[in-house]
Amino acid sequence: MTAYPTWATVAHSGDGGAGDPNGRIWQPGECDAPLRKHDWFWHPKSEQKIRSVEELVGMYYQSVGRNSNLILNGNIDRRGLVPEADMKRFKEFGDEIRRRFGKSLAETQGKGEVVELALDKPTLVDHVLIMEQIAEGERIRQYVVEGMAAGQWQTLCKGQSVGHKRIERFDPTAVSKVRLKVLQCLAEPLIRKLAVYQVETTPPLALTGVVKRP
């Protein structure tokens, strides 16, 4: 999966890796992976290699959630079809992503170095999703997200690149407001979406490589 920070610009066409924040060529990151571990082509009796939903969700956080694209390979069988077991796992994966991010607790959009989101009442949140208006480029270089908890602002998460989409996870916190503060940018930040979610209704899935930020 992609490193963080990941930028959608590169210095030279065809460059790989995590991009270049100073690059002038638009080339969003791409994470390619087979659904069946290490197998790009179908092999009989290899269903045990199908990645679990937990693994796929972890891959989603570490690609889509880091301003990149996740491309999952479907292993076509001898019939020229995606096997039933694979299709079942694709659906389970999609259902879990929709459960997590299909509907936010609250969301807004705005522009400028501070965008604030008010909730109707103190609400438990554990994820924030940020999207820039990428038709105008990636402008954010450093940010912090704070929550109003017990009458005081406290840091929920912080990072660098946002781009098309940045998903941040943090310990469940009851907040009445959330604000995005852009600490460094190239031009006026244009926030297409700032949204909060409560995802972990059960003990968190083990997501290898996902960093929880203070």
N, C-alpha and C. Protein backbone atom coordinates (compact mmCIF):
# COMPACT_ATOMS: atom_id res chain seq x y z
N MET A 1 0.83 -1.19 0.00
CA MET A 1 0.00 0.00 0.00
C MET A 1 0.87 1.25 0.00
N THR A 2 0.25 2.39 -0.15
CA THR A 2 1.02 3.61 -0.31
C THR A 2 1.55 4.13 1.02
N ALA A 3 2.64 4.87 0.93
CA ALA A 3 3.21 5.51 2.11
C ALA A 3 2.38 6.74 2.44
N TYR A 4 2.72 7.39 3.52
CA TYR A 4 2.08 8.66 3.85
C TYR A 4 3.15 9.64 4.26
N PRO A 5 3.13 10.87 3.74
CA PRO A 5 2.12 11.44 2.86
C PRO A 5 2.25 10.97 1.42
N THR A 6 1.13 10.98 0.71
CA THR A 6 1.09 10.65 -0.71
C THR A 6 0.51 11.84 -1.47
N TRP A 7 1.19 12.21 -2.56
CA TRP A 7 0.77 13.36 -3.37
C TRP A 7 0.35 12.89 -4.75
N ALA A 8 -0.57 13.59 -5.36
CA ALA A 8 -1.07 13.23 -6.69
C ALA A 8 -0.27 13.89 -7.80
N THR A 9 0.80 14.57 -7.46
CA THR A 9 1.66 15.21 -8.46
C THR A 9 3.04 14.56 -8.44
N VAL A 10 3.67 14.55 -9.58
CA VAL A 10 5.02 14.00 -9.71
C VAL A 10 5.89 14.98 -10.49
N ALA A 11 7.19 14.80 -10.37
CA ALA A 11 8.12 15.69 -11.07
C ALA A 11 8.23 15.32 -12.54
N HIS A 12 8.17 14.00 -12.83
CA HIS A 12 8.33 13.53 -14.21
C HIS A 12 7.27 12.49 -14.50
N SER A 13 6.73 12.51 -15.69
CA SER A 13 5.71 11.55 -16.09
C SER A 13 6.22 10.13 -15.90
N GLY A 14 5.42 9.30 -15.27
CA GLY A 14 5.82 7.92 -15.05
C GLY A 14 6.51 7.67 -13.73
N ASP A 15 6.80 8.73 -12.98
CA ASP A 15 7.41 8.55 -11.66
C ASP A 15 6.50 7.72 -10.77
N GLY A 16 7.08 6.87 -9.95
CA GLY A 16 6.31 6.08 -9.00
C GLY A 16 6.43 6.62 -7.60
N GLY A 17 6.17 5.77 -6.64
CA GLY A 17 6.32 6.16 -5.25
C GLY A 17 5.18 7.02 -4.75
N ALA A 18 5.49 7.83 -3.75
CA ALA A 18 4.47 8.63 -3.05
C ALA A 18 4.25 10.00 -3.66
N GLY A 19 4.79 10.25 -4.84
CA GLY A 19 4.59 11.54 -5.50
C GLY A 19 5.52 12.61 -4.98
N ASP A 20 5.37 13.79 -5.54
CA ASP A 20 6.21 14.94 -5.20
C ASP A 20 5.31 16.14 -4.98
N PRO A 21 5.29 16.71 -3.76
CA PRO A 21 4.41 17.83 -3.50
C PRO A 21 4.71 19.04 -4.37
N ASN A 22 5.93 19.09 -4.93
CA ASN A 22 6.31 20.21 -5.80
C ASN A 22 6.22 19.84 -7.28
N GLY A 23 5.76 18.64 -7.57
CA GLY A 23 5.65 18.21 -8.97
C GLY A 23 4.57 18.98 -9.70
N ARG A 24 4.74 19.11 -11.01
CA ARG A 24 3.79 19.87 -11.83
C ARG A 24 2.97 18.98 -12.75
N ILE A 25 3.17 17.66 -12.64
CA ILE A 25 2.43 16.72 -13.47
C ILE A 25 1.43 15.98 -12.58
N TRP A 26 0.15 16.00 -12.99
CA TRP A 26 -0.92 15.36 -12.21
C TRP A 26 -0.95 13.86 -12.52
N GLN A 27 -0.62 13.06 -11.52
CA GLN A 27 -0.56 11.61 -11.71
C GLN A 27 -0.91 10.95 -10.37
N PRO A 28 -2.21 10.78 -10.07
CA PRO A 28 -2.63 10.21 -8.79
C PRO A 28 -2.02 8.83 -8.55
N GLY A 29 -1.78 8.54 -7.28
CA GLY A 29 -1.20 7.25 -6.91
C GLY A 29 -2.14 6.10 -7.18
N GLU A 30 -1.57 4.93 -7.42
CA GLU A 30 -2.35 3.73 -7.74
C GLU A 30 -1.77 2.54 -6.98
N CYS A 31 -2.64 1.85 -6.23
CA CYS A 31 -2.23 0.66 -5.50
C CYS A 31 -2.91 -0.55 -6.11
N ASP A 32 -2.14 -1.40 -6.75
CA ASP A 32 -2.67 -2.60 -7.41
C ASP A 32 -2.41 -3.81 -6.52
N ALA A 33 -3.42 -4.66 -6.39
CA ALA A 33 -3.26 -5.86 -5.57
C ALA A 33 -4.22 -6.94 -6.04
N PRO A 34 -3.81 -8.22 -5.98
CA PRO A 34 -4.73 -9.31 -6.31
C PRO A 34 -5.59 -9.64 -5.09
N LEU A 35 -6.84 -10.01 -5.34
CA LEU A 35 -7.70 -10.42 -4.23
C LEU A 35 -7.15 -11.67 -3.57
N ARG A 36 -6.64 -12.58 -4.37
CA ARG A 36 -6.02 -13.79 -3.83
C ARG A 36 -4.53 -13.52 -3.64
N LYS A 37 -4.05 -13.66 -2.43
CA LYS A 37 -2.68 -13.27 -2.09
C LYS A 37 -1.66 -13.86 -3.05
N HIS A 38 -0.88 -12.98 -3.65
CA HIS A 38 0.26 -13.33 -4.50
C HIS A 38 -0.14 -13.95 -5.83
N ASP A 39 -1.43 -14.10 -6.10
CA ASP A 39 -1.88 -14.71 -7.35
C ASP A 39 -2.58 -13.68 -8.23
N TRP A 40 -1.93 -13.32 -9.34
CA TRP A 40 -2.57 -12.40 -10.28
C TRP A 40 -3.45 -13.16 -11.27
N PHE A 41 -3.24 -14.47 -11.36
CA PHE A 41 -4.04 -15.29 -12.26
C PHE A 41 -4.71 -16.41 -11.47
N TRP A 42 -5.83 -16.87 -11.98
CA TRP A 42 -6.61 -17.89 -11.29
C TRP A 42 -5.90 -19.24 -11.25
N HIS A 43 -5.99 -19.90 -10.11
CA HIS A 43 -5.51 -21.26 -9.95
C HIS A 43 -6.58 -22.05 -9.21
N PRO A 44 -6.79 -23.29 -9.58
CA PRO A 44 -7.83 -24.07 -8.89
C PRO A 44 -7.47 -24.33 -7.44
N LYS A 45 -8.50 -24.44 -6.62
CA LYS A 45 -8.36 -24.80 -5.21
C LYS A 45 -7.43 -23.84 -4.45
N SER A 46 -7.59 -22.55 -4.73
CA SER A 46 -6.76 -21.56 -4.03
C SER A 46 -7.63 -20.56 -3.26
N GLU A 47 -8.87 -20.97 -2.94
CA GLU A 47 -9.78 -20.07 -2.23
C GLU A 47 -9.23 -19.62 -0.89
N GLN A 48 -8.35 -20.43 -0.30
CA GLN A 48 -7.79 -20.07 1.01
C GLN A 48 -6.90 -18.84 0.92
N LYS A 49 -6.54 -18.43 -0.29
CA LYS A 49 -5.70 -17.25 -0.47
C LYS A 49 -6.51 -15.96 -0.57
N ILE A 50 -7.84 -16.06 -0.61
CA ILE A 50 -8.66 -14.86 -0.71
C ILE A 50 -8.48 -14.01 0.53
N ARG A 51 -8.19 -12.75 0.35
CA ARG A 51 -7.96 -11.86 1.48
C ARG A 51 -9.23 -11.70 2.31
N SER A 52 -9.06 -11.57 3.61
CA SER A 52 -10.20 -11.38 4.51
C SER A 52 -10.75 -9.97 4.37
N VAL A 53 -11.95 -9.77 4.84
CA VAL A 53 -12.52 -8.42 4.85
C VAL A 53 -11.64 -7.49 5.66
N GLU A 54 -11.13 -7.96 6.79
CA GLU A 54 -10.27 -7.13 7.63
C GLU A 54 -9.03 -6.67 6.86
N GLU A 55 -8.43 -7.57 6.10
CA GLU A 55 -7.25 -7.20 5.30
C GLU A 55 -7.62 -6.18 4.24
N LEU A 56 -8.74 -6.38 3.58
CA LEU A 56 -9.15 -5.46 2.52
C LEU A 56 -9.46 -4.08 3.07
N VAL A 57 -10.10 -4.02 4.24
CA VAL A 57 -10.38 -2.73 4.86
C VAL A 57 -9.07 -2.03 5.20
N GLY A 58 -8.11 -2.78 5.72
CA GLY A 58 -6.80 -2.19 6.00
C GLY A 58 -6.15 -1.63 4.76
N MET A 59 -6.28 -2.36 3.64
CA MET A 59 -5.74 -1.87 2.37
C MET A 59 -6.45 -0.60 1.93
N TYR A 60 -7.76 -0.53 2.17
CA TYR A 60 -8.54 0.66 1.80
C TYR A 60 -8.03 1.89 2.56
N TYR A 61 -7.83 1.73 3.87
CA TYR A 61 -7.33 2.84 4.67
C TYR A 61 -5.96 3.29 4.16
N GLN A 62 -5.14 2.33 3.75
CA GLN A 62 -3.76 2.64 3.38
C GLN A 62 -3.59 3.00 1.91
N SER A 63 -4.69 3.11 1.19
CA SER A 63 -4.63 3.53 -0.21
C SER A 63 -5.62 4.67 -0.43
N VAL A 64 -6.90 4.37 -0.51
CA VAL A 64 -7.93 5.40 -0.68
C VAL A 64 -7.85 6.42 0.44
N GLY A 65 -7.63 5.95 1.65
CA GLY A 65 -7.56 6.86 2.80
C GLY A 65 -6.30 7.68 2.86
N ARG A 66 -5.39 7.43 1.94
CA ARG A 66 -4.14 8.19 1.88
C ARG A 66 -3.97 8.86 0.52
N ASN A 67 -5.09 9.24 -0.11
CA ASN A 67 -5.03 10.00 -1.36
C ASN A 67 -4.49 9.18 -2.52
N SER A 68 -4.91 7.92 -2.59
CA SER A 68 -4.49 7.07 -3.70
C SER A 68 -5.70 6.28 -4.19
N ASN A 69 -5.49 5.42 -5.18
CA ASN A 69 -6.54 4.59 -5.75
C ASN A 69 -6.22 3.12 -5.49
N LEU A 70 -7.21 2.37 -5.03
CA LEU A 70 -7.04 0.95 -4.81
C LEU A 70 -7.66 0.19 -5.99
N ILE A 71 -6.84 -0.61 -6.65
CA ILE A 71 -7.31 -1.41 -7.77
C ILE A 71 -7.11 -2.88 -7.42
N LEU A 72 -8.22 -3.58 -7.16
CA LEU A 72 -8.17 -4.99 -6.79
C LEU A 72 -8.35 -5.85 -8.04
N ASN A 73 -7.45 -6.79 -8.21
CA ASN A 73 -7.51 -7.68 -9.35
C ASN A 73 -8.55 -8.78 -9.12
N GLY A 74 -9.40 -9.01 -10.11
CA GLY A 74 -10.32 -10.14 -10.07
C GLY A 74 -9.73 -11.29 -10.86
N ASN A 75 -9.56 -12.45 -10.21
CA ASN A 75 -8.92 -13.60 -10.85
C ASN A 75 -9.94 -14.36 -11.69
N ILE A 76 -9.91 -14.16 -12.98
CA ILE A 76 -10.89 -14.78 -13.89
C ILE A 76 -10.60 -16.28 -14.03
N ASP A 77 -11.65 -17.10 -13.89
CA ASP A 77 -11.45 -18.55 -13.95
C ASP A 77 -11.59 -19.07 -15.39
N ARG A 78 -11.64 -20.41 -15.55
CA ARG A 78 -11.68 -21.00 -16.88
C ARG A 78 -12.98 -20.72 -17.61
N ARG A 79 -14.00 -20.29 -16.90
CA ARG A 79 -15.27 -19.94 -17.54
C ARG A 79 -15.24 -18.52 -18.09
N GLY A 80 -14.20 -17.79 -17.75
CA GLY A 80 -14.14 -16.38 -18.13
C GLY A 80 -14.91 -15.50 -17.16
N LEU A 81 -15.15 -16.01 -15.95
CA LEU A 81 -15.92 -15.30 -14.93
C LEU A 81 -15.11 -15.17 -13.64
N VAL A 82 -15.50 -14.18 -12.84
CA VAL A 82 -14.93 -14.07 -11.51
C VAL A 82 -15.59 -15.15 -10.64
N PRO A 83 -14.82 -16.00 -9.96
CA PRO A 83 -15.40 -17.08 -9.17
C PRO A 83 -16.37 -16.57 -8.10
N GLU A 84 -17.34 -17.41 -7.76
CA GLU A 84 -18.37 -17.03 -6.79
C GLU A 84 -17.76 -16.63 -5.45
N ALA A 85 -16.74 -17.36 -5.00
CA ALA A 85 -16.12 -17.05 -3.71
C ALA A 85 -15.49 -15.66 -3.72
N ASP A 86 -14.90 -15.29 -4.84
CA ASP A 86 -14.29 -13.97 -4.96
C ASP A 86 -15.36 -12.88 -4.98
N MET A 87 -16.42 -13.11 -5.73
CA MET A 87 -17.50 -12.13 -5.80
C MET A 87 -18.13 -11.93 -4.42
N LYS A 88 -18.27 -13.01 -3.67
CA LYS A 88 -18.82 -12.91 -2.32
C LYS A 88 -17.95 -12.01 -1.45
N ARG A 89 -16.63 -12.18 -1.57
CA ARG A 89 -15.72 -11.36 -0.76
C ARG A 89 -15.73 -9.91 -1.22
N PHE A 90 -15.80 -9.67 -2.53
CA PHE A 90 -15.92 -8.29 -3.03
C PHE A 90 -17.15 -7.61 -2.44
N LYS A 91 -18.27 -8.33 -2.42
CA LYS A 91 -19.50 -7.75 -1.87
C LYS A 91 -19.37 -7.48 -0.37
N GLU A 92 -18.78 -8.42 0.36
CA GLU A 92 -18.58 -8.23 1.80
C GLU A 92 -17.70 -7.01 2.07
N PHE A 93 -16.69 -6.85 1.25
CA PHE A 93 -15.80 -5.69 1.37
C PHE A 93 -16.57 -4.40 1.10
N GLY A 94 -17.32 -4.38 0.01
CA GLY A 94 -18.10 -3.19 -0.30
C GLY A 94 -19.12 -2.86 0.78
N ASP A 95 -19.76 -3.90 1.31
CA ASP A 95 -20.75 -3.68 2.38
C ASP A 95 -20.09 -3.06 3.61
N GLU A 96 -18.88 -3.51 3.93
CA GLU A 96 -18.20 -2.98 5.12
C GLU A 96 -17.77 -1.53 4.91
N ILE A 97 -17.32 -1.19 3.72
CA ILE A 97 -16.95 0.20 3.44
C ILE A 97 -18.18 1.09 3.51
N ARG A 98 -19.31 0.62 2.98
CA ARG A 98 -20.55 1.40 3.06
C ARG A 98 -21.02 1.53 4.51
N ARG A 99 -20.84 0.48 5.30
CA ARG A 99 -21.22 0.57 6.72
C ARG A 99 -20.40 1.65 7.42
N ARG A 100 -19.13 1.70 7.09
CA ARG A 100 -18.24 2.64 7.76
C ARG A 100 -18.46 4.08 7.28
N PHE A 101 -18.57 4.26 5.97
CA PHE A 101 -18.51 5.61 5.41
C PHE A 101 -19.71 5.98 4.54
N GLY A 102 -20.72 5.13 4.51
CA GLY A 102 -21.88 5.42 3.68
C GLY A 102 -22.67 6.63 4.13
N LYS A 103 -22.68 6.89 5.43
CA LYS A 103 -23.42 8.04 5.95
C LYS A 103 -22.66 8.64 7.11
N SER A 104 -22.38 9.92 7.01
CA SER A 104 -21.64 10.60 8.07
C SER A 104 -22.57 11.03 9.20
N LEU A 105 -21.98 11.29 10.36
CA LEU A 105 -22.75 11.87 11.46
C LEU A 105 -23.04 13.34 11.17
N ALA A 106 -22.11 14.00 10.51
CA ALA A 106 -22.27 15.40 10.13
C ALA A 106 -21.18 15.73 9.13
N GLU A 107 -21.44 16.69 8.25
CA GLU A 107 -20.43 17.08 7.28
C GLU A 107 -20.69 18.50 6.80
N THR A 108 -19.63 19.08 6.25
CA THR A 108 -19.72 20.43 5.72
C THR A 108 -18.68 20.60 4.64
N GLN A 109 -18.64 21.79 4.05
CA GLN A 109 -17.61 22.16 3.10
C GLN A 109 -17.27 23.62 3.34
N GLY A 110 -16.20 24.08 2.78
CA GLY A 110 -15.84 25.48 2.99
C GLY A 110 -14.50 25.80 2.38
N LYS A 111 -14.02 26.99 2.66
CA LYS A 111 -12.72 27.40 2.17
C LYS A 111 -12.04 28.26 3.21
N GLY A 112 -10.73 28.36 3.07
CA GLY A 112 -9.97 29.11 4.06
C GLY A 112 -9.17 28.19 4.96
N GLU A 113 -8.42 28.80 5.85
CA GLU A 113 -7.50 28.03 6.69
C GLU A 113 -8.19 27.38 7.89
N VAL A 114 -9.43 27.75 8.16
CA VAL A 114 -10.19 27.11 9.23
C VAL A 114 -11.59 26.79 8.71
N VAL A 115 -11.98 25.51 8.80
CA VAL A 115 -13.33 25.08 8.45
C VAL A 115 -13.89 24.34 9.66
N GLU A 116 -15.04 24.81 10.14
CA GLU A 116 -15.60 24.28 11.38
C GLU A 116 -16.91 23.55 11.11
N LEU A 117 -17.09 22.46 11.83
CA LEU A 117 -18.28 21.63 11.70
C LEU A 117 -18.92 21.48 13.08
N ALA A 118 -20.16 21.95 13.22
CA ALA A 118 -20.88 21.85 14.49
C ALA A 118 -21.82 20.66 14.47
N LEU A 119 -21.87 19.92 15.56
CA LEU A 119 -22.79 18.81 15.72
C LEU A 119 -23.98 19.26 16.56
N ASP A 120 -25.09 18.57 16.43
CA ASP A 120 -26.29 18.96 17.17
C ASP A 120 -26.12 18.83 18.68
N LYS A 121 -25.29 17.89 19.10
CA LYS A 121 -25.05 17.64 20.52
C LYS A 121 -23.72 16.92 20.65
N PRO A 122 -23.13 16.84 21.83
CA PRO A 122 -21.89 16.06 21.99
C PRO A 122 -22.08 14.64 21.47
N THR A 123 -21.21 14.24 20.57
CA THR A 123 -21.36 12.98 19.86
C THR A 123 -20.03 12.25 19.82
N LEU A 124 -20.09 10.93 19.98
CA LEU A 124 -18.88 10.12 19.92
C LEU A 124 -18.46 9.95 18.47
N VAL A 125 -17.23 10.33 18.15
CA VAL A 125 -16.68 10.18 16.80
C VAL A 125 -15.32 9.49 16.89
N ASP A 126 -14.98 8.76 15.84
CA ASP A 126 -13.67 8.09 15.82
C ASP A 126 -12.98 8.16 14.45
N HIS A 127 -13.62 8.80 13.48
CA HIS A 127 -13.02 8.99 12.16
C HIS A 127 -13.36 10.38 11.64
N VAL A 128 -12.44 10.95 10.89
CA VAL A 128 -12.73 12.17 10.15
C VAL A 128 -12.28 11.95 8.71
N LEU A 129 -13.07 12.46 7.77
CA LEU A 129 -12.75 12.35 6.35
C LEU A 129 -12.62 13.76 5.79
N ILE A 130 -11.53 13.99 5.07
CA ILE A 130 -11.27 15.31 4.49
C ILE A 130 -11.06 15.14 2.99
N MET A 131 -11.67 16.02 2.22
CA MET A 131 -11.47 16.00 0.77
C MET A 131 -11.23 17.43 0.28
N GLU A 132 -10.21 17.60 -0.55
CA GLU A 132 -9.98 18.89 -1.20
C GLU A 132 -10.71 18.94 -2.53
N GLN A 133 -10.93 20.15 -3.02
CA GLN A 133 -11.48 20.34 -4.36
C GLN A 133 -10.32 20.21 -5.35
N ILE A 134 -10.05 18.97 -5.77
CA ILE A 134 -8.82 18.73 -6.51
C ILE A 134 -8.83 19.29 -7.93
N ALA A 135 -9.99 19.76 -8.40
CA ALA A 135 -9.99 20.46 -9.69
C ALA A 135 -9.12 21.70 -9.63
N GLU A 136 -8.90 22.19 -8.41
CA GLU A 136 -8.03 23.36 -8.20
C GLU A 136 -6.67 22.96 -7.64
N GLY A 137 -6.38 21.64 -7.65
CA GLY A 137 -5.08 21.16 -7.20
C GLY A 137 -5.06 20.80 -5.73
N GLU A 138 -3.93 20.27 -5.30
CA GLU A 138 -3.68 19.95 -3.89
C GLU A 138 -3.01 21.16 -3.24
N ARG A 139 -3.72 21.78 -2.32
CA ARG A 139 -3.20 23.02 -1.75
C ARG A 139 -2.68 22.86 -0.32
N ILE A 140 -3.21 21.88 0.38
CA ILE A 140 -2.85 21.71 1.80
C ILE A 140 -1.51 20.99 1.92
N ARG A 141 -0.68 21.50 2.82
CA ARG A 141 0.62 20.90 3.08
C ARG A 141 0.75 20.43 4.54
N GLN A 142 -0.04 20.99 5.41
CA GLN A 142 -0.01 20.56 6.82
C GLN A 142 -1.30 20.98 7.48
N TYR A 143 -1.87 20.09 8.31
CA TYR A 143 -3.15 20.40 8.94
C TYR A 143 -3.25 19.72 10.30
N VAL A 144 -4.22 20.18 11.06
CA VAL A 144 -4.59 19.53 12.32
C VAL A 144 -6.11 19.55 12.41
N VAL A 145 -6.69 18.49 12.93
CA VAL A 145 -8.13 18.44 13.18
C VAL A 145 -8.34 18.41 14.68
N GLU A 146 -9.16 19.33 15.16
CA GLU A 146 -9.43 19.44 16.59
C GLU A 146 -10.91 19.22 16.88
N GLY A 147 -11.18 18.71 18.07
CA GLY A 147 -12.55 18.51 18.50
C GLY A 147 -12.82 19.28 19.79
N MET A 148 -14.03 19.85 19.90
CA MET A 148 -14.44 20.53 21.12
C MET A 148 -14.98 19.46 22.07
N ALA A 149 -14.19 19.15 23.09
CA ALA A 149 -14.54 18.10 24.05
C ALA A 149 -14.53 18.69 25.46
N ALA A 150 -15.65 18.58 26.13
CA ALA A 150 -15.78 19.11 27.49
C ALA A 150 -15.38 20.57 27.56
N GLY A 151 -15.77 21.34 26.54
CA GLY A 151 -15.54 22.78 26.54
C GLY A 151 -14.16 23.21 26.10
N GLN A 152 -13.31 22.28 25.67
CA GLN A 152 -11.96 22.64 25.25
C GLN A 152 -11.62 21.98 23.92
N TRP A 153 -10.85 22.70 23.10
CA TRP A 153 -10.37 22.11 21.86
C TRP A 153 -9.23 21.16 22.16
N GLN A 154 -9.30 19.97 21.56
CA GLN A 154 -8.20 19.03 21.69
C GLN A 154 -7.90 18.40 20.34
N THR A 155 -6.63 18.05 20.14
CA THR A 155 -6.21 17.50 18.86
C THR A 155 -6.75 16.08 18.69
N LEU A 156 -7.40 15.85 17.55
CA LEU A 156 -7.88 14.52 17.21
C LEU A 156 -6.90 13.81 16.27
N CYS A 157 -6.33 14.56 15.33
CA CYS A 157 -5.39 13.99 14.38
C CYS A 157 -4.69 15.12 13.65
N LYS A 158 -3.62 14.80 12.98
CA LYS A 158 -2.90 15.80 12.20
C LYS A 158 -2.14 15.10 11.08
N GLY A 159 -1.85 15.84 10.02
CA GLY A 159 -1.17 15.22 8.90
C GLY A 159 -0.68 16.23 7.90
N GLN A 160 -0.39 15.73 6.70
CA GLN A 160 0.19 16.57 5.65
C GLN A 160 -0.72 16.58 4.41
N SER A 161 -0.60 15.57 3.57
CA SER A 161 -1.38 15.60 2.33
C SER A 161 -2.84 15.23 2.59
N VAL A 162 -3.73 15.84 1.79
CA VAL A 162 -5.16 15.52 1.81
C VAL A 162 -5.56 15.09 0.40
N GLY A 163 -5.54 16.00 -0.54
CA GLY A 163 -5.87 15.67 -1.91
C GLY A 163 -7.31 15.20 -2.06
N HIS A 164 -7.50 14.17 -2.87
CA HIS A 164 -8.87 13.68 -3.12
C HIS A 164 -9.52 13.20 -1.84
N LYS A 165 -8.79 12.45 -1.01
CA LYS A 165 -9.40 11.94 0.21
C LYS A 165 -8.34 11.55 1.23
N ARG A 166 -8.59 11.98 2.45
CA ARG A 166 -7.76 11.57 3.59
C ARG A 166 -8.70 11.06 4.68
N ILE A 167 -8.48 9.83 5.14
CA ILE A 167 -9.26 9.25 6.23
C ILE A 167 -8.36 9.11 7.44
N GLU A 168 -8.78 9.70 8.54
CA GLU A 168 -8.02 9.63 9.78
C GLU A 168 -8.82 8.86 10.83
N ARG A 169 -8.13 7.99 11.56
CA ARG A 169 -8.73 7.26 12.68
C ARG A 169 -8.13 7.75 13.98
N PHE A 170 -8.92 7.75 15.04
CA PHE A 170 -8.42 8.16 16.35
C PHE A 170 -9.31 7.53 17.42
N ASP A 171 -8.88 7.63 18.65
CA ASP A 171 -9.66 7.06 19.74
C ASP A 171 -11.03 7.73 19.82
N PRO A 172 -12.08 6.96 20.08
CA PRO A 172 -13.42 7.55 20.18
C PRO A 172 -13.44 8.72 21.16
N THR A 173 -14.00 9.84 20.71
CA THR A 173 -14.03 11.07 21.51
C THR A 173 -15.38 11.74 21.35
N ALA A 174 -15.97 12.16 22.46
CA ALA A 174 -17.25 12.88 22.41
C ALA A 174 -16.97 14.36 22.14
N VAL A 175 -17.49 14.88 21.03
CA VAL A 175 -17.22 16.27 20.64
C VAL A 175 -18.53 16.95 20.25
N SER A 176 -18.56 18.27 20.42
CA SER A 176 -19.72 19.06 19.98
C SER A 176 -19.39 19.83 18.71
N LYS A 177 -18.10 20.00 18.43
CA LYS A 177 -17.63 20.66 17.21
C LYS A 177 -16.34 20.00 16.75
N VAL A 178 -16.09 20.11 15.46
CA VAL A 178 -14.82 19.68 14.89
C VAL A 178 -14.34 20.80 13.98
N ARG A 179 -13.06 21.06 14.01
CA ARG A 179 -12.55 22.07 13.08
C ARG A 179 -11.26 21.59 12.43
N LEU A 180 -11.14 21.89 11.17
CA LEU A 180 -9.93 21.65 10.39
C LEU A 180 -9.14 22.94 10.35
N LYS A 181 -7.91 22.89 10.83
CA LYS A 181 -7.02 24.04 10.78
C LYS A 181 -5.87 23.72 9.83
N VAL A 182 -5.77 24.48 8.76
CA VAL A 182 -4.68 24.30 7.80
C VAL A 182 -3.51 25.15 8.27
N LEU A 183 -2.41 24.48 8.56
CA LEU A 183 -1.24 25.16 9.11
C LEU A 183 -0.28 25.62 8.03
N GLN A 184 -0.32 24.95 6.89
CA GLN A 184 0.55 25.33 5.78
C GLN A 184 -0.15 24.98 4.48
N CYS A 185 -0.13 25.91 3.52
CA CYS A 185 -0.81 25.66 2.24
C CYS A 185 -0.15 26.49 1.15
N LEU A 186 -0.42 26.12 -0.10
CA LEU A 186 0.13 26.85 -1.24
C LEU A 186 -0.78 27.96 -1.71
N ALA A 187 -2.08 27.81 -1.46
CA ALA A 187 -3.09 28.80 -1.82
C ALA A 187 -4.28 28.56 -0.90
N GLU A 188 -5.31 29.37 -1.05
CA GLU A 188 -6.46 29.22 -0.17
C GLU A 188 -7.01 27.80 -0.24
N PRO A 189 -7.10 27.10 0.91
CA PRO A 189 -7.64 25.73 0.90
C PRO A 189 -9.12 25.73 0.48
N LEU A 190 -9.46 24.77 -0.37
CA LEU A 190 -10.84 24.58 -0.81
C LEU A 190 -11.27 23.19 -0.37
N ILE A 191 -12.13 23.14 0.64
CA ILE A 191 -12.52 21.87 1.25
C ILE A 191 -13.84 21.41 0.67
N ARG A 192 -13.77 20.35 -0.11
CA ARG A 192 -14.96 19.78 -0.72
C ARG A 192 -15.83 19.08 0.33
N LYS A 193 -15.16 18.47 1.32
CA LYS A 193 -15.91 17.74 2.34
C LYS A 193 -15.09 17.59 3.60
N LEU A 194 -15.73 17.89 4.72
CA LEU A 194 -15.19 17.61 6.05
C LEU A 194 -16.30 16.86 6.79
N ALA A 195 -16.05 15.61 7.13
CA ALA A 195 -17.11 14.77 7.70
C ALA A 195 -16.58 13.95 8.87
N VAL A 196 -17.46 13.65 9.80
CA VAL A 196 -17.09 12.82 10.95
C VAL A 196 -17.99 11.59 11.00
N TYR A 197 -17.44 10.52 11.59
CA TYR A 197 -18.12 9.24 11.65
C TYR A 197 -17.85 8.56 12.99
N GLN A 198 -18.78 7.72 13.38
CA GLN A 198 -18.53 6.76 14.44
C GLN A 198 -18.59 5.39 13.78
N VAL A 199 -17.45 4.77 13.64
CA VAL A 199 -17.34 3.53 12.88
C VAL A 199 -17.26 2.31 13.79
N GLU A 200 -16.43 2.41 14.82
CA GLU A 200 -16.13 1.24 15.63
C GLU A 200 -17.22 0.96 16.65
N THR A 201 -18.28 0.28 16.22
CA THR A 201 -19.34 -0.12 17.15
C THR A 201 -18.98 -1.40 17.87
N THR A 202 -17.96 -2.10 17.35
CA THR A 202 -17.40 -3.29 17.99
C THR A 202 -15.91 -3.06 18.14
N PRO A 203 -15.18 -3.93 18.85
CA PRO A 203 -13.73 -3.73 18.97
C PRO A 203 -13.09 -3.55 17.62
N PRO A 204 -12.15 -2.60 17.47
CA PRO A 204 -11.56 -2.27 16.17
C PRO A 204 -10.95 -3.48 15.48
N LEU A 205 -11.08 -3.51 14.15
CA LEU A 205 -10.41 -4.54 13.37
C LEU A 205 -8.91 -4.30 13.43
N ALA A 206 -8.15 -5.37 13.34
CA ALA A 206 -6.69 -5.25 13.33
C ALA A 206 -6.27 -4.83 11.94
N LEU A 207 -5.91 -3.57 11.78
CA LEU A 207 -5.54 -3.04 10.47
C LEU A 207 -4.04 -2.82 10.43
N THR A 208 -3.34 -3.76 9.86
CA THR A 208 -1.89 -3.71 9.84
C THR A 208 -1.40 -2.45 9.14
N GLY A 209 -0.53 -1.71 9.82
CA GLY A 209 0.09 -0.57 9.20
C GLY A 209 -0.70 0.72 9.32
N VAL A 210 -1.90 0.69 9.84
CA VAL A 210 -2.67 1.92 10.01
C VAL A 210 -2.22 2.59 11.29
N VAL A 211 -1.76 3.80 11.20
CA VAL A 211 -1.23 4.51 12.34
C VAL A 211 -2.30 5.33 13.02
N LYS A 212 -2.49 5.13 14.31
CA LYS A 212 -3.42 5.96 15.06
C LYS A 212 -2.65 7.18 15.55
N ARG A 213 -3.15 8.34 15.23
CA ARG A 213 -2.43 9.58 15.54
C ARG A 213 -3.03 10.24 16.78
N PRO A 214 -2.19 10.81 17.62
CA PRO A 214 -2.70 11.46 18.84
C PRO A 214 -3.51 12.70 18.51
